[in-house]
Amino acid sequence: MKTTASPQVAARRDPLEPMQPTEEPGTGEGEEIDRRALIAETAYFIAEGRGFTPGGDVEDWLAAENSIDLALSRPAVR
């Protein structure tokens, strides 16, 4: 019988903690940053943190945008 490996699940992180970029600007090293995907994931975790109550999706998205934009504007820590 052939078994398949289950997909890895990403570790949870604090949704309000800024994420560090995976690429040093101008170096071409690391993975390309997908800003929209980072915002969507962060907004999801913010919504999860408030129990997915209706009516907060726009605020969640805007908070996620601020968090990601702040993280991407910081120099990468080495």
N, C-alpha and C. Protein backbone atom coordinates (compact mmCIF):
# COMPACT_ATOMS: atom_id res chain seq x y z
N MET A 1 0.84 -1.17 0.00
CA MET A 1 0.00 0.00 0.00
C MET A 1 0.89 1.24 0.00
N LYS A 2 0.58 2.16 -0.88
CA LYS A 2 1.36 3.40 -0.99
C LYS A 2 0.75 4.47 -0.09
N THR A 3 1.60 5.12 0.70
CA THR A 3 1.11 6.20 1.56
C THR A 3 1.63 7.52 1.03
N THR A 4 0.87 8.54 1.24
CA THR A 4 1.30 9.88 0.82
C THR A 4 1.53 10.72 2.06
N ALA A 5 2.53 11.54 1.96
CA ALA A 5 2.84 12.42 3.09
C ALA A 5 1.80 13.52 3.17
N SER A 6 1.42 13.84 4.38
CA SER A 6 0.47 14.93 4.55
C SER A 6 1.19 16.26 4.35
N PRO A 7 0.50 17.27 3.83
CA PRO A 7 1.14 18.57 3.62
C PRO A 7 1.53 19.18 4.96
N GLN A 8 2.63 19.90 4.95
CA GLN A 8 3.06 20.56 6.17
C GLN A 8 2.14 21.73 6.48
N VAL A 9 1.85 21.90 7.74
CA VAL A 9 1.02 23.00 8.18
C VAL A 9 1.93 24.06 8.76
N ALA A 10 1.75 25.29 8.31
CA ALA A 10 2.58 26.39 8.80
C ALA A 10 2.29 26.64 10.27
N ALA A 11 3.34 26.94 11.00
CA ALA A 11 3.18 27.26 12.42
C ALA A 11 2.41 28.57 12.55
N ARG A 12 1.57 28.64 13.56
CA ARG A 12 0.82 29.87 13.78
C ARG A 12 1.74 30.93 14.35
N ARG A 13 1.42 32.16 14.03
CA ARG A 13 2.19 33.27 14.54
C ARG A 13 1.23 34.35 15.01
N ASP A 14 1.74 35.29 15.77
CA ASP A 14 0.92 36.40 16.24
C ASP A 14 0.56 37.25 15.03
N PRO A 15 -0.74 37.41 14.70
CA PRO A 15 -1.11 38.13 13.49
C PRO A 15 -0.76 39.61 13.53
N LEU A 16 -0.57 40.17 14.70
CA LEU A 16 -0.25 41.58 14.78
C LEU A 16 1.25 41.83 14.82
N GLU A 17 2.03 40.76 14.89
CA GLU A 17 3.49 40.90 14.87
C GLU A 17 3.92 41.05 13.41
N PRO A 18 4.64 42.12 13.09
CA PRO A 18 5.05 42.31 11.69
C PRO A 18 5.91 41.15 11.19
N MET A 19 5.68 40.77 9.94
CA MET A 19 6.46 39.71 9.33
C MET A 19 7.73 40.29 8.72
N GLN A 20 8.78 39.53 8.73
CA GLN A 20 10.03 39.96 8.13
C GLN A 20 10.02 39.56 6.65
N PRO A 21 10.51 40.43 5.79
CA PRO A 21 10.57 40.07 4.37
C PRO A 21 11.54 38.92 4.15
N THR A 22 11.31 38.14 3.10
CA THR A 22 12.16 37.00 2.82
C THR A 22 13.22 37.33 1.78
N GLU A 23 13.25 38.55 1.32
CA GLU A 23 14.24 38.93 0.32
C GLU A 23 14.83 40.27 0.69
N GLU A 24 16.14 40.36 0.65
CA GLU A 24 16.83 41.61 0.89
C GLU A 24 16.66 42.47 -0.37
N PRO A 25 16.14 43.70 -0.25
CA PRO A 25 15.95 44.52 -1.44
C PRO A 25 17.24 44.69 -2.23
N GLY A 26 17.12 44.48 -3.52
CA GLY A 26 18.25 44.70 -4.42
C GLY A 26 19.23 43.54 -4.51
N THR A 27 19.04 42.46 -3.76
CA THR A 27 20.00 41.37 -3.80
C THR A 27 19.55 40.24 -4.72
N GLY A 28 18.24 40.11 -4.92
CA GLY A 28 17.73 39.02 -5.74
C GLY A 28 17.80 37.67 -5.03
N GLU A 29 18.13 37.67 -3.74
CA GLU A 29 18.22 36.44 -2.98
C GLU A 29 16.90 36.17 -2.26
N GLY A 30 16.64 34.92 -1.99
CA GLY A 30 15.44 34.56 -1.24
C GLY A 30 14.23 34.45 -2.14
N GLU A 31 13.10 34.26 -1.51
CA GLU A 31 11.86 34.11 -2.25
C GLU A 31 11.25 35.47 -2.56
N GLU A 32 10.51 35.53 -3.65
CA GLU A 32 9.80 36.76 -3.98
C GLU A 32 8.67 36.95 -2.98
N ILE A 33 8.48 38.17 -2.55
CA ILE A 33 7.45 38.46 -1.56
C ILE A 33 6.11 38.67 -2.26
N ASP A 34 5.09 37.95 -1.83
CA ASP A 34 3.74 38.11 -2.36
C ASP A 34 2.95 38.90 -1.32
N ARG A 35 2.97 40.23 -1.45
CA ARG A 35 2.36 41.13 -0.47
C ARG A 35 0.89 40.80 -0.23
N ARG A 36 0.15 40.58 -1.29
CA ARG A 36 -1.28 40.33 -1.14
C ARG A 36 -1.54 39.05 -0.36
N ALA A 37 -0.77 38.01 -0.63
CA ALA A 37 -0.94 36.75 0.10
C ALA A 37 -0.60 36.92 1.58
N LEU A 38 0.44 37.69 1.87
CA LEU A 38 0.79 37.95 3.27
C LEU A 38 -0.32 38.71 3.98
N ILE A 39 -0.90 39.69 3.29
CA ILE A 39 -2.00 40.46 3.88
C ILE A 39 -3.20 39.56 4.12
N ALA A 40 -3.54 38.73 3.14
CA ALA A 40 -4.69 37.84 3.28
C ALA A 40 -4.52 36.88 4.45
N GLU A 41 -3.33 36.31 4.59
CA GLU A 41 -3.08 35.38 5.69
C GLU A 41 -3.15 36.10 7.03
N THR A 42 -2.56 37.27 7.10
CA THR A 42 -2.58 38.04 8.34
C THR A 42 -4.00 38.44 8.70
N ALA A 43 -4.79 38.88 7.72
CA ALA A 43 -6.19 39.25 7.96
C ALA A 43 -6.99 38.05 8.46
N TYR A 44 -6.70 36.87 7.92
CA TYR A 44 -7.38 35.65 8.37
C TYR A 44 -7.10 35.42 9.85
N PHE A 45 -5.82 35.52 10.25
CA PHE A 45 -5.48 35.26 11.64
C PHE A 45 -6.04 36.33 12.58
N ILE A 46 -6.16 37.56 12.10
CA ILE A 46 -6.79 38.61 12.90
C ILE A 46 -8.27 38.25 13.11
N ALA A 47 -8.94 37.85 12.02
CA ALA A 47 -10.36 37.46 12.12
C ALA A 47 -10.53 36.25 13.03
N GLU A 48 -9.63 35.29 12.92
CA GLU A 48 -9.68 34.12 13.78
C GLU A 48 -9.55 34.53 15.25
N GLY A 49 -8.66 35.49 15.51
CA GLY A 49 -8.44 35.95 16.87
C GLY A 49 -9.65 36.62 17.49
N ARG A 50 -10.55 37.15 16.66
CA ARG A 50 -11.76 37.78 17.19
C ARG A 50 -12.98 36.88 17.00
N GLY A 51 -12.71 35.60 16.69
CA GLY A 51 -13.80 34.62 16.60
C GLY A 51 -14.62 34.68 15.33
N PHE A 52 -14.10 35.28 14.27
CA PHE A 52 -14.78 35.39 12.98
C PHE A 52 -16.16 36.04 13.09
N THR A 53 -16.33 36.95 14.05
CA THR A 53 -17.62 37.63 14.15
C THR A 53 -17.84 38.48 12.91
N PRO A 54 -19.05 38.52 12.40
CA PRO A 54 -19.34 39.26 11.17
C PRO A 54 -19.11 40.77 11.32
N GLY A 55 -18.76 41.39 10.21
CA GLY A 55 -18.68 42.84 10.17
C GLY A 55 -17.31 43.45 10.38
N GLY A 56 -16.29 42.65 10.57
CA GLY A 56 -14.97 43.22 10.81
C GLY A 56 -13.97 42.96 9.71
N ASP A 57 -14.44 42.45 8.56
CA ASP A 57 -13.50 42.05 7.51
C ASP A 57 -12.68 43.21 6.95
N VAL A 58 -13.29 44.36 6.78
CA VAL A 58 -12.54 45.51 6.23
C VAL A 58 -11.50 45.98 7.23
N GLU A 59 -11.88 46.05 8.49
CA GLU A 59 -10.93 46.46 9.53
C GLU A 59 -9.79 45.47 9.65
N ASP A 60 -10.11 44.16 9.53
CA ASP A 60 -9.07 43.12 9.58
C ASP A 60 -8.09 43.31 8.44
N TRP A 61 -8.62 43.55 7.24
CA TRP A 61 -7.76 43.71 6.06
C TRP A 61 -6.87 44.95 6.22
N LEU A 62 -7.44 46.05 6.67
CA LEU A 62 -6.65 47.28 6.82
C LEU A 62 -5.57 47.12 7.89
N ALA A 63 -5.90 46.45 8.98
CA ALA A 63 -4.89 46.19 10.03
C ALA A 63 -3.78 45.30 9.48
N ALA A 64 -4.16 44.31 8.68
CA ALA A 64 -3.17 43.41 8.08
C ALA A 64 -2.28 44.17 7.09
N GLU A 65 -2.88 45.04 6.28
CA GLU A 65 -2.09 45.85 5.36
C GLU A 65 -1.06 46.68 6.10
N ASN A 66 -1.50 47.34 7.17
CA ASN A 66 -0.57 48.16 7.95
C ASN A 66 0.57 47.33 8.51
N SER A 67 0.24 46.17 9.05
CA SER A 67 1.25 45.29 9.64
C SER A 67 2.26 44.82 8.59
N ILE A 68 1.77 44.37 7.45
CA ILE A 68 2.66 43.85 6.40
C ILE A 68 3.48 44.98 5.79
N ASP A 69 2.86 46.11 5.51
CA ASP A 69 3.61 47.24 4.93
C ASP A 69 4.71 47.71 5.88
N LEU A 70 4.42 47.72 7.17
CA LEU A 70 5.43 48.10 8.15
C LEU A 70 6.58 47.08 8.14
N ALA A 71 6.24 45.81 8.12
CA ALA A 71 7.26 44.76 8.11
C ALA A 71 8.11 44.82 6.84
N LEU A 72 7.48 45.07 5.70
CA LEU A 72 8.22 45.11 4.44
C LEU A 72 9.07 46.37 4.29
N SER A 73 8.76 47.40 5.07
CA SER A 73 9.54 48.64 4.97
C SER A 73 10.78 48.59 5.84
N ARG A 74 10.85 47.62 6.74
CA ARG A 74 12.01 47.50 7.64
C ARG A 74 13.12 46.73 6.94
N PRO A 75 14.35 47.07 7.23
CA PRO A 75 15.45 46.28 6.67
C PRO A 75 15.45 44.88 7.29
N ALA A 76 15.85 43.90 6.50
CA ALA A 76 15.88 42.53 6.98
C ALA A 76 16.96 42.37 8.05
N VAL A 77 16.67 41.57 9.06
CA VAL A 77 17.62 41.32 10.14
C VAL A 77 18.47 40.12 9.73
N ARG A 78 19.75 40.26 9.88
CA ARG A 78 20.66 39.15 9.53
C ARG A 78 21.39 38.67 10.73
